[in-house]
């Protein structure tokens, strides 16, 4: 089995990912473009860096190190909105020597009067790029699996579904719940849903497994995750000749929670200010 790549092994893939994305990208976009270059298992992608704190996975943490080294080396930069971009030097650099980058940064840090460390740089980088969406996702990721299923139930009810039930149990093909979607007050569709609470990407095989469980049991399938979906998973969900699976990733999930006011409040002063009610999620 391929080992989780080190931060040094992730430097050049990060540069190539940004080049592939047109020179700039969000952390999630970079993450998706990078992991597609490595044959990692779902277990590896879901491995937490610090199980006691939850939230961030080991691969995400190492990517944070890679970004920070490349930033300090002058090849990439980031805005306050969490968008990373190649600098002029980064656009010219087709490949870097990770060991040379590390030696350069260690030399800079050795000469600094504040005795800063790369670890501190990584922590500061992650704090400055933490958006309300990131904070909300971390809150949801810290929930118990059963609480996340109840959150999905509440979300669907607030969105207009009726008779929404959480039915998840072992041997049920991964089905976590069901409900009925009313369309225009005339048409009804039976929907089953599955919840995946983790940071990694849902694969095409997982979409196929869910479809197999829903055939003959519902009109529609809904797959909800706090993570993302691989490109293959998205194609599989809408494959011709097969029942369509609707996908809700972490980005869509937090936006829907905000729109519906579920554990999220919005204040407007001069700019929009979003606050997360952590106790609301803990009470589910």
C-alpha atoms as a PDB file:
ATOM      1  CA  UNK A   1       0.000   0.000   0.000  1.00  0.00           C
ATOM      2  CA  UNK A   2       1.338   3.460  -0.916  1.00  0.00           C
ATOM      3  CA  UNK A   3       2.346   5.468   2.155  1.00  0.00           C
ATOM      4  CA  UNK A   4       0.853   8.887   2.816  1.00  0.00           C
ATOM      5  CA  UNK A   5       3.256  11.299   1.053  1.00  0.00           C
ATOM      6  CA  UNK A   6       5.432  13.550   3.194  1.00  0.00           C
ATOM      7  CA  UNK A   7       5.224  17.333   2.999  1.00  0.00           C
ATOM      8  CA  UNK A   8       8.382  17.291   0.846  1.00  0.00           C
ATOM      9  CA  UNK A   9       6.766  14.839  -1.569  1.00  0.00           C
ATOM     10  CA  UNK A  10       3.748  17.168  -1.766  1.00  0.00           C
ATOM     11  CA  UNK A  11       5.641  20.312  -2.780  1.00  0.00           C
ATOM     12  CA  UNK A  12       5.926  19.652  -6.525  1.00  0.00           C
ATOM     13  CA  UNK A  13       2.394  18.173  -6.793  1.00  0.00           C
ATOM     14  CA  UNK A  14       1.119  21.379  -5.124  1.00  0.00           C
ATOM     15  CA  UNK A  15       2.892  23.508  -7.728  1.00  0.00           C
ATOM     16  CA  UNK A  16       1.549  21.342 -10.551  1.00  0.00           C
ATOM     17  CA  UNK A  17      -1.951  21.457  -9.058  1.00  0.00           C
ATOM     18  CA  UNK A  18      -1.930  25.257  -9.035  1.00  0.00           C
ATOM     19  CA  UNK A  19      -0.649  25.294 -12.611  1.00  0.00           C
ATOM     20  CA  UNK A  20      -3.425  22.863 -13.580  1.00  0.00           C
ATOM     21  CA  UNK A  21      -5.997  25.120 -11.865  1.00  0.00           C
ATOM     22  CA  UNK A  22      -4.909  28.111 -13.928  1.00  0.00           C
ATOM     23  CA  UNK A  23      -2.448  29.606 -11.453  1.00  0.00           C
ATOM     24  CA  UNK A  24      -4.669  29.875  -8.386  1.00  0.00           C
ATOM     25  CA  UNK A  25      -7.039  27.786  -6.306  1.00  0.00           C
ATOM     26  CA  UNK A  26      -8.686  27.284  -2.947  1.00  0.00           C
ATOM     27  CA  UNK A  27      -7.303  24.831  -0.410  1.00  0.00           C
ATOM     28  CA  UNK A  28     -10.042  22.353  -1.323  1.00  0.00           C
ATOM     29  CA  UNK A  29      -9.312  22.644  -5.051  1.00  0.00           C
ATOM     30  CA  UNK A  30      -5.591  22.150  -4.466  1.00  0.00           C
ATOM     31  CA  UNK A  31      -6.296  19.197  -2.177  1.00  0.00           C
ATOM     32  CA  UNK A  32      -8.470  17.484  -4.787  1.00  0.00           C
ATOM     33  CA  UNK A  33      -5.971  18.071  -7.598  1.00  0.00           C
ATOM     34  CA  UNK A  34      -3.074  16.781  -5.493  1.00  0.00           C
ATOM     35  CA  UNK A  35      -4.647  13.594  -4.118  1.00  0.00           C
ATOM     36  CA  UNK A  36      -5.640  12.501  -7.620  1.00  0.00           C
ATOM     37  CA  UNK A  37      -1.907  12.083  -8.265  1.00  0.00           C
ATOM     38  CA  UNK A  38      -1.511   9.488  -5.499  1.00  0.00           C
ATOM     39  CA  UNK A  39      -3.175   6.037  -5.257  1.00  0.00           C
ATOM     40  CA  UNK A  40      -4.326   6.537  -1.663  1.00  0.00           C
ATOM     41  CA  UNK A  41      -7.071   4.516  -0.016  1.00  0.00           C
ATOM     42  CA  UNK A  42     -10.142   6.006   1.673  1.00  0.00           C
ATOM     43  CA  UNK A  43      -8.666   4.937   5.014  1.00  0.00           C
ATOM     44  CA  UNK A  44      -5.490   6.899   4.341  1.00  0.00           C
ATOM     45  CA  UNK A  45      -7.411   9.970   3.174  1.00  0.00           C
ATOM     46  CA  UNK A  46      -9.592   9.885   6.288  1.00  0.00           C
ATOM     47  CA  UNK A  47      -6.743   9.382   8.792  1.00  0.00           C
ATOM     48  CA  UNK A  48      -6.833  12.272  11.280  1.00  0.00           C
ATOM     49  CA  UNK A  49      -3.671  14.152  12.149  1.00  0.00           C
ATOM     50  CA  UNK A  50      -4.782  14.482  15.764  1.00  0.00           C
ATOM     51  CA  UNK A  51      -7.684  12.133  16.609  1.00  0.00           C
ATOM     52  CA  UNK A  52      -8.278  13.933  19.918  1.00  0.00           C
ATOM     53  CA  UNK A  53      -8.900  17.258  18.169  1.00  0.00           C
ATOM     54  CA  UNK A  54     -10.593  15.794  15.095  1.00  0.00           C
ATOM     55  CA  UNK A  55     -11.278  17.714  11.906  1.00  0.00           C
ATOM     56  CA  UNK A  56      -8.029  17.922   9.954  1.00  0.00           C
ATOM     57  CA  UNK A  57      -6.681  14.822   8.259  1.00  0.00           C
ATOM     58  CA  UNK A  58      -3.007  13.855   8.069  1.00  0.00           C
ATOM     59  CA  UNK A  59      -2.825  14.527   4.328  1.00  0.00           C
ATOM     60  CA  UNK A  60      -4.400  17.984   4.821  1.00  0.00           C
ATOM     61  CA  UNK A  61      -1.885  18.759   7.560  1.00  0.00           C
ATOM     62  CA  UNK A  62       1.073  17.748   5.405  1.00  0.00           C
ATOM     63  CA  UNK A  63      -0.292  19.812   2.526  1.00  0.00           C
ATOM     64  CA  UNK A  64      -0.343  22.762   4.944  1.00  0.00           C
ATOM     65  CA  UNK A  65       3.365  22.223   5.561  1.00  0.00           C
ATOM     66  CA  UNK A  66       4.048  22.006   1.815  1.00  0.00           C
ATOM     67  CA  UNK A  67       2.158  25.259   1.136  1.00  0.00           C
ATOM     68  CA  UNK A  68       3.994  27.065   3.935  1.00  0.00           C
ATOM     69  CA  UNK A  69       7.431  25.968   2.711  1.00  0.00           C
ATOM     70  CA  UNK A  70       6.583  26.996  -0.850  1.00  0.00           C
ATOM     71  CA  UNK A  71       5.221  30.329   0.385  1.00  0.00           C
ATOM     72  CA  UNK A  72       8.338  31.070   2.422  1.00  0.00           C
ATOM     73  CA  UNK A  73      10.435  30.078  -0.596  1.00  0.00           C
ATOM     74  CA  UNK A  74       8.588  32.686  -2.660  1.00  0.00           C
ATOM     75  CA  UNK A  75       6.824  30.357  -5.099  1.00  0.00           C
ATOM     76  CA  UNK A  76       3.226  30.758  -3.915  1.00  0.00           C
ATOM     77  CA  UNK A  77       1.181  33.319  -1.999  1.00  0.00           C
ATOM     78  CA  UNK A  78      -2.253  33.452  -0.387  1.00  0.00           C
ATOM     79  CA  UNK A  79      -4.960  36.031   0.137  1.00  0.00           C
ATOM     80  CA  UNK A  80      -7.064  36.594   3.251  1.00  0.00           C
ATOM     81  CA  UNK A  81      -9.909  34.788   1.486  1.00  0.00           C
ATOM     82  CA  UNK A  82      -7.920  31.555   1.454  1.00  0.00           C
ATOM     83  CA  UNK A  83      -7.074  31.565  -2.254  1.00  0.00           C
ATOM     84  CA  UNK A  84      -3.544  30.426  -3.098  1.00  0.00           C
ATOM     85  CA  UNK A  85      -1.716  31.489  -6.245  1.00  0.00           C
ATOM     86  CA  UNK A  86       1.597  31.019  -8.001  1.00  0.00           C
ATOM     87  CA  UNK A  87       3.962  33.969  -7.828  1.00  0.00           C
ATOM     88  CA  UNK A  88       5.985  35.052 -10.862  1.00  0.00           C
ATOM     89  CA  UNK A  89       8.806  32.824  -9.619  1.00  0.00           C
ATOM     90  CA  UNK A  90       6.363  29.984  -9.041  1.00  0.00           C
ATOM     91  CA  UNK A  91       5.041  30.210 -12.600  1.00  0.00           C
ATOM     92  CA  UNK A  92       8.572  29.873 -13.930  1.00  0.00           C
ATOM     93  CA  UNK A  93       9.545  27.030 -11.600  1.00  0.00           C
ATOM     94  CA  UNK A  94       8.561  23.744 -13.195  1.00  0.00           C
ATOM     95  CA  UNK A  95      10.016  21.726 -10.333  1.00  0.00           C
ATOM     96  CA  UNK A  96      11.827  22.362  -7.058  1.00  0.00           C
ATOM     97  CA  UNK A  97      14.250  20.392  -4.933  1.00  0.00           C
ATOM     98  CA  UNK A  98      12.324  19.854  -1.664  1.00  0.00           C
ATOM     99  CA  UNK A  99      15.528  19.385   0.334  1.00  0.00           C
ATOM    100  CA  UNK A 100      16.917  22.668  -1.019  1.00  0.00           C
ATOM    101  CA  UNK A 101      13.652  24.410  -0.079  1.00  0.00           C
ATOM    102  CA  UNK A 102      13.811  22.968   3.425  1.00  0.00           C
ATOM    103  CA  UNK A 103      17.454  24.013   3.930  1.00  0.00           C
ATOM    104  CA  UNK A 104      16.655  27.533   2.698  1.00  0.00           C
ATOM    105  CA  UNK A 105      13.728  27.937   5.089  1.00  0.00           C
ATOM    106  CA  UNK A 106      15.612  26.453   8.038  1.00  0.00           C
ATOM    107  CA  UNK A 107      18.406  28.946   7.408  1.00  0.00           C
ATOM    108  CA  UNK A 108      15.918  31.836   7.378  1.00  0.00           C
ATOM    109  CA  UNK A 109      14.281  30.659  10.585  1.00  0.00           C
ATOM    110  CA  UNK A 110      17.676  30.129  12.257  1.00  0.00           C
ATOM    111  CA  UNK A 111      18.521  33.784  11.646  1.00  0.00           C
ATOM    112  CA  UNK A 112      15.187  35.125  12.853  1.00  0.00           C
ATOM    113  CA  UNK A 113      15.170  37.036  16.125  1.00  0.00           C
ATOM    114  CA  UNK A 114      11.779  35.657  17.208  1.00  0.00           C
ATOM    115  CA  UNK A 115      12.984  32.029  17.037  1.00  0.00           C
ATOM    116  CA  UNK A 116       9.955  31.081  14.942  1.00  0.00           C
ATOM    117  CA  UNK A 117       9.520  27.550  13.647  1.00  0.00           C
ATOM    118  CA  UNK A 118       7.993  26.005  10.554  1.00  0.00           C
ATOM    119  CA  UNK A 119       5.373  24.446  12.828  1.00  0.00           C
ATOM    120  CA  UNK A 120       4.336  27.930  14.016  1.00  0.00           C
ATOM    121  CA  UNK A 121       4.210  29.134  10.430  1.00  0.00           C
ATOM    122  CA  UNK A 122       1.892  26.251   9.537  1.00  0.00           C
ATOM    123  CA  UNK A 123      -0.393  26.966  12.489  1.00  0.00           C
ATOM    124  CA  UNK A 124      -0.529  30.674  11.631  1.00  0.00           C
ATOM    125  CA  UNK A 125      -1.184  29.857   7.965  1.00  0.00           C
ATOM    126  CA  UNK A 126      -4.104  27.621   8.875  1.00  0.00           C
ATOM    127  CA  UNK A 127      -5.549  30.201  11.268  1.00  0.00           C
ATOM    128  CA  UNK A 128      -5.384  33.038   8.739  1.00  0.00           C
ATOM    129  CA  UNK A 129      -7.097  30.971   6.053  1.00  0.00           C
ATOM    130  CA  UNK A 130      -9.801  29.611   8.367  1.00  0.00           C
ATOM    131  CA  UNK A 131     -13.155  30.864   7.079  1.00  0.00           C
ATOM    132  CA  UNK A 132     -16.583  30.496   8.641  1.00  0.00           C
ATOM    133  CA  UNK A 133     -17.137  27.615   6.221  1.00  0.00           C
ATOM    134  CA  UNK A 134     -14.016  25.878   7.566  1.00  0.00           C
ATOM    135  CA  UNK A 135     -15.096  26.505  11.164  1.00  0.00           C
ATOM    136  CA  UNK A 136     -18.568  25.125  10.472  1.00  0.00           C
ATOM    137  CA  UNK A 137     -17.181  22.024   8.759  1.00  0.00           C
ATOM    138  CA  UNK A 138     -14.867  21.379  11.708  1.00  0.00           C
ATOM    139  CA  UNK A 139     -17.857  21.685  14.042  1.00  0.00           C
ATOM    140  CA  UNK A 140     -19.869  19.186  11.998  1.00  0.00           C
ATOM    141  CA  UNK A 141     -16.896  16.818  11.744  1.00  0.00           C
ATOM    142  CA  UNK A 142     -16.651  16.795  15.543  1.00  0.00           C
ATOM    143  CA  UNK A 143     -20.252  15.547  15.864  1.00  0.00           C
ATOM    144  CA  UNK A 144     -21.104  11.952  16.681  1.00  0.00           C
ATOM    145  CA  UNK A 145     -22.225   9.932  13.618  1.00  0.00           C
ATOM    146  CA  UNK A 146     -25.778   9.634  14.966  1.00  0.00           C
ATOM    147  CA  UNK A 147     -25.918  13.387  15.554  1.00  0.00           C
ATOM    148  CA  UNK A 148     -24.781  14.024  11.977  1.00  0.00           C
ATOM    149  CA  UNK A 149     -27.618  11.801  10.747  1.00  0.00           C
ATOM    150  CA  UNK A 150     -30.082  13.838  12.828  1.00  0.00           C
ATOM    151  CA  UNK A 151     -28.594  17.001  11.336  1.00  0.00           C
ATOM    152  CA  UNK A 152     -29.233  15.612   7.844  1.00  0.00           C
ATOM    153  CA  UNK A 153     -32.786  14.761   8.885  1.00  0.00           C
ATOM    154  CA  UNK A 154     -33.354  18.300  10.170  1.00  0.00           C
ATOM    155  CA  UNK A 155     -31.784  19.787   7.036  1.00  0.00           C
ATOM    156  CA  UNK A 156     -34.115  17.858   4.740  1.00  0.00           C
ATOM    157  CA  UNK A 157     -37.184  18.714   6.825  1.00  0.00           C
ATOM    158  CA  UNK A 158     -36.316  22.407   6.726  1.00  0.00           C
ATOM    159  CA  UNK A 159     -35.800  22.094   2.959  1.00  0.00           C
ATOM    160  CA  UNK A 160     -39.380  20.863   2.505  1.00  0.00           C
ATOM    161  CA  UNK A 161     -39.114  17.074   2.750  1.00  0.00           C
ATOM    162  CA  UNK A 162     -41.792  15.224   4.689  1.00  0.00           C
ATOM    163  CA  UNK A 163     -41.821  11.945   6.610  1.00  0.00           C
ATOM    164  CA  UNK A 164     -38.048  12.100   7.031  1.00  0.00           C
ATOM    165  CA  UNK A 165     -36.726   9.221   9.116  1.00  0.00           C
ATOM    166  CA  UNK A 166     -33.258   8.133  10.189  1.00  0.00           C
ATOM    167  CA  UNK A 167     -33.126   4.394   9.570  1.00  0.00           C
ATOM    168  CA  UNK A 168     -29.400   3.678   9.520  1.00  0.00           C
ATOM    169  CA  UNK A 169     -28.482   0.229  10.791  1.00  0.00           C
ATOM    170  CA  UNK A 170     -25.923  -2.421   9.965  1.00  0.00           C
ATOM    171  CA  UNK A 171     -26.608  -4.563   6.928  1.00  0.00           C
ATOM    172  CA  UNK A 172     -28.782  -1.896   5.303  1.00  0.00           C
ATOM    173  CA  UNK A 173     -26.437  -1.164   2.431  1.00  0.00           C
ATOM    174  CA  UNK A 174     -25.277   2.132   3.882  1.00  0.00           C
ATOM    175  CA  UNK A 175     -28.735   3.717   3.820  1.00  0.00           C
ATOM    176  CA  UNK A 176     -29.049   6.168   6.722  1.00  0.00           C
ATOM    177  CA  UNK A 177     -32.529   7.525   6.180  1.00  0.00           C
ATOM    178  CA  UNK A 178     -35.490   8.149   3.934  1.00  0.00           C
ATOM    179  CA  UNK A 179     -38.052  10.832   3.199  1.00  0.00           C
ATOM    180  CA  UNK A 180     -40.504  12.167   0.653  1.00  0.00           C
ATOM    181  CA  UNK A 181     -39.851  15.192  -1.516  1.00  0.00           C
ATOM    182  CA  UNK A 182     -42.949  17.117  -2.597  1.00  0.00           C
ATOM    183  CA  UNK A 183     -42.730  18.980  -5.886  1.00  0.00           C
ATOM    184  CA  UNK A 184     -45.199  21.792  -6.495  1.00  0.00           C
ATOM    185  CA  UNK A 185     -47.756  20.172  -4.220  1.00  0.00           C
ATOM    186  CA  UNK A 186     -48.617  17.593  -6.896  1.00  0.00           C
ATOM    187  CA  UNK A 187     -45.737  15.166  -7.321  1.00  0.00           C
ATOM    188  CA  UNK A 188     -43.971  13.125  -4.652  1.00  0.00           C
ATOM    189  CA  UNK A 189     -40.634  11.334  -4.833  1.00  0.00           C
ATOM    190  CA  UNK A 190     -39.413   8.795  -2.329  1.00  0.00           C
ATOM    191  CA  UNK A 191     -35.816   9.595  -1.433  1.00  0.00           C
ATOM    192  CA  UNK A 192     -33.220   7.654   0.537  1.00  0.00           C
ATOM    193  CA  UNK A 193     -30.072   9.305   1.816  1.00  0.00           C
ATOM    194  CA  UNK A 194     -26.643   8.365   3.042  1.00  0.00           C
ATOM    195  CA  UNK A 195     -24.407  10.457   5.306  1.00  0.00           C
ATOM    196  CA  UNK A 196     -20.607  10.385   5.173  1.00  0.00           C
ATOM    197  CA  UNK A 197     -18.971  12.466   7.888  1.00  0.00           C
ATOM    198  CA  UNK A 198     -15.292  12.761   7.016  1.00  0.00           C
ATOM    199  CA  UNK A 199     -12.756  15.008   5.331  1.00  0.00           C
ATOM    200  CA  UNK A 200     -11.798  12.767   2.437  1.00  0.00           C
ATOM    201  CA  UNK A 201     -13.299  12.392  -1.009  1.00  0.00           C
ATOM    202  CA  UNK A 202     -16.170  10.008  -1.764  1.00  0.00           C
ATOM    203  CA  UNK A 203     -15.163   7.647  -4.558  1.00  0.00           C
ATOM    204  CA  UNK A 204     -17.035   6.277  -7.571  1.00  0.00           C
ATOM    205  CA  UNK A 205     -17.211   2.819  -5.987  1.00  0.00           C
ATOM    206  CA  UNK A 206     -18.972   4.258  -2.947  1.00  0.00           C
ATOM    207  CA  UNK A 207     -21.509   5.968  -5.211  1.00  0.00           C
ATOM    208  CA  UNK A 208     -22.091   2.655  -7.030  1.00  0.00           C
ATOM    209  CA  UNK A 209     -22.569   0.818  -3.725  1.00  0.00           C
ATOM    210  CA  UNK A 210     -25.154   3.375  -2.625  1.00  0.00           C
ATOM    211  CA  UNK A 211     -26.984   3.129  -5.944  1.00  0.00           C
ATOM    212  CA  UNK A 212     -27.104  -0.641  -5.584  1.00  0.00           C
ATOM    213  CA  UNK A 213     -28.710  -0.240  -2.167  1.00  0.00           C
ATOM    214  CA  UNK A 214     -31.350   2.231  -3.415  1.00  0.00           C
ATOM    215  CA  UNK A 215     -32.514   0.396  -6.557  1.00  0.00           C
ATOM    216  CA  UNK A 216     -36.094  -0.746  -6.097  1.00  0.00           C
ATOM    217  CA  UNK A 217     -36.458   1.086  -2.794  1.00  0.00           C
ATOM    218  CA  UNK A 218     -36.749   4.749  -3.782  1.00  0.00           C
ATOM    219  CA  UNK A 219     -37.127   7.126  -6.721  1.00  0.00           C
ATOM    220  CA  UNK A 220     -34.094   9.229  -5.843  1.00  0.00           C
ATOM    221  CA  UNK A 221     -30.869   8.910  -3.883  1.00  0.00           C
ATOM    222  CA  UNK A 222     -29.105  11.671  -1.953  1.00  0.00           C
ATOM    223  CA  UNK A 223     -25.506  11.358  -0.775  1.00  0.00           C
ATOM    224  CA  UNK A 224     -24.421  13.919   1.826  1.00  0.00           C
ATOM    225  CA  UNK A 225     -20.798  14.326   2.890  1.00  0.00           C
ATOM    226  CA  UNK A 226     -18.727  16.837   4.817  1.00  0.00           C
ATOM    227  CA  UNK A 227     -15.897  16.068   2.392  1.00  0.00           C
ATOM    228  CA  UNK A 228     -15.857  16.152  -1.383  1.00  0.00           C
ATOM    229  CA  UNK A 229     -16.449  13.875  -4.385  1.00  0.00           C
ATOM    230  CA  UNK A 230     -13.829  12.693  -6.831  1.00  0.00           C
ATOM    231  CA  UNK A 231     -14.371  13.553 -10.484  1.00  0.00           C
ATOM    232  CA  UNK A 232     -15.060   9.869 -11.116  1.00  0.00           C
ATOM    233  CA  UNK A 233     -17.705   9.883  -8.369  1.00  0.00           C
ATOM    234  CA  UNK A 234     -19.467  12.873  -9.939  1.00  0.00           C
ATOM    235  CA  UNK A 235     -19.476  11.163 -13.339  1.00  0.00           C
ATOM    236  CA  UNK A 236     -20.751   7.937 -11.780  1.00  0.00           C
ATOM    237  CA  UNK A 237     -23.577   9.785 -10.019  1.00  0.00           C
ATOM    238  CA  UNK A 238     -24.927  11.033 -13.354  1.00  0.00           C
ATOM    239  CA  UNK A 239     -23.957   8.086 -15.540  1.00  0.00           C
ATOM    240  CA  UNK A 240     -26.295   7.431 -18.480  1.00  0.00           C
ATOM    241  CA  UNK A 241     -28.609   4.470 -18.017  1.00  0.00           C
ATOM    242  CA  UNK A 242     -28.352   4.451 -14.220  1.00  0.00           C
ATOM    243  CA  UNK A 243     -30.526   6.129 -11.544  1.00  0.00           C
ATOM    244  CA  UNK A 244     -29.130   9.585 -10.780  1.00  0.00           C
ATOM    245  CA  UNK A 245     -27.624  10.188  -7.353  1.00  0.00           C
ATOM    246  CA  UNK A 246     -27.771  13.781  -6.115  1.00  0.00           C
ATOM    247  CA  UNK A 247     -24.590  14.868  -4.331  1.00  0.00           C
ATOM    248  CA  UNK A 248     -24.133  17.340  -1.486  1.00  0.00           C
ATOM    249  CA  UNK A 249     -20.506  18.000  -0.578  1.00  0.00           C
ATOM    250  CA  UNK A 250     -19.123  19.941   2.372  1.00  0.00           C
ATOM    251  CA  UNK A 251     -19.208  23.292   0.557  1.00  0.00           C
ATOM    252  CA  UNK A 252     -22.870  22.909  -0.393  1.00  0.00           C
ATOM    253  CA  UNK A 253     -23.740  21.562   3.060  1.00  0.00           C
ATOM    254  CA  UNK A 254     -22.435  24.576   4.976  1.00  0.00           C
ATOM    255  CA  UNK A 255     -24.128  26.986   2.564  1.00  0.00           C
ATOM    256  CA  UNK A 256     -27.478  25.211   3.046  1.00  0.00           C
ATOM    257  CA  UNK A 257     -27.063  25.290   6.834  1.00  0.00           C
ATOM    258  CA  UNK A 258     -26.401  29.026   6.605  1.00  0.00           C
ATOM    259  CA  UNK A 259     -29.359  29.647   4.288  1.00  0.00           C
ATOM    260  CA  UNK A 260     -31.709  27.739   6.585  1.00  0.00           C
ATOM    261  CA  UNK A 261     -30.284  29.243   9.776  1.00  0.00           C
ATOM    262  CA  UNK A 262     -29.439  25.842  11.276  1.00  0.00           C
ATOM    263  CA  UNK A 263     -26.841  26.509  13.954  1.00  0.00           C
ATOM    264  CA  UNK A 264     -25.664  29.543  11.990  1.00  0.00           C
ATOM    265  CA  UNK A 265     -26.573  33.198  12.370  1.00  0.00           C
ATOM    266  CA  UNK A 266     -25.682  36.060  10.054  1.00  0.00           C
ATOM    267  CA  UNK A 267     -25.077  39.620  11.147  1.00  0.00           C
ATOM    268  CA  UNK A 268     -24.587  42.581   8.861  1.00  0.00           C
ATOM    269  CA  UNK A 269     -22.685  45.615  10.042  1.00  0.00           C
ATOM    270  CA  UNK A 270     -20.558  46.900   7.174  1.00  0.00           C
ATOM    271  CA  UNK A 271     -19.828  43.426   5.918  1.00  0.00           C
ATOM    272  CA  UNK A 272     -21.528  40.112   6.448  1.00  0.00           C
ATOM    273  CA  UNK A 273     -20.465  38.455   9.712  1.00  0.00           C
ATOM    274  CA  UNK A 274     -21.260  34.769  10.169  1.00  0.00           C
ATOM    275  CA  UNK A 275     -21.234  33.189  13.631  1.00  0.00           C
ATOM    276  CA  UNK A 276     -21.275  29.469  14.391  1.00  0.00           C
ATOM    277  CA  UNK A 277     -23.386  28.280  17.335  1.00  0.00           C
ATOM    278  CA  UNK A 278     -21.267  25.323  18.429  1.00  0.00           C
ATOM    279  CA  UNK A 279     -23.666  24.407  21.245  1.00  0.00           C
ATOM    280  CA  UNK A 280     -26.484  23.912  18.710  1.00  0.00           C
ATOM    281  CA  UNK A 281     -24.570  21.142  16.962  1.00  0.00           C
ATOM    282  CA  UNK A 282     -23.479  19.585  20.267  1.00  0.00           C
ATOM    283  CA  UNK A 283     -27.104  19.392  21.390  1.00  0.00           C
ATOM    284  CA  UNK A 284     -28.237  17.244  18.451  1.00  0.00           C
END
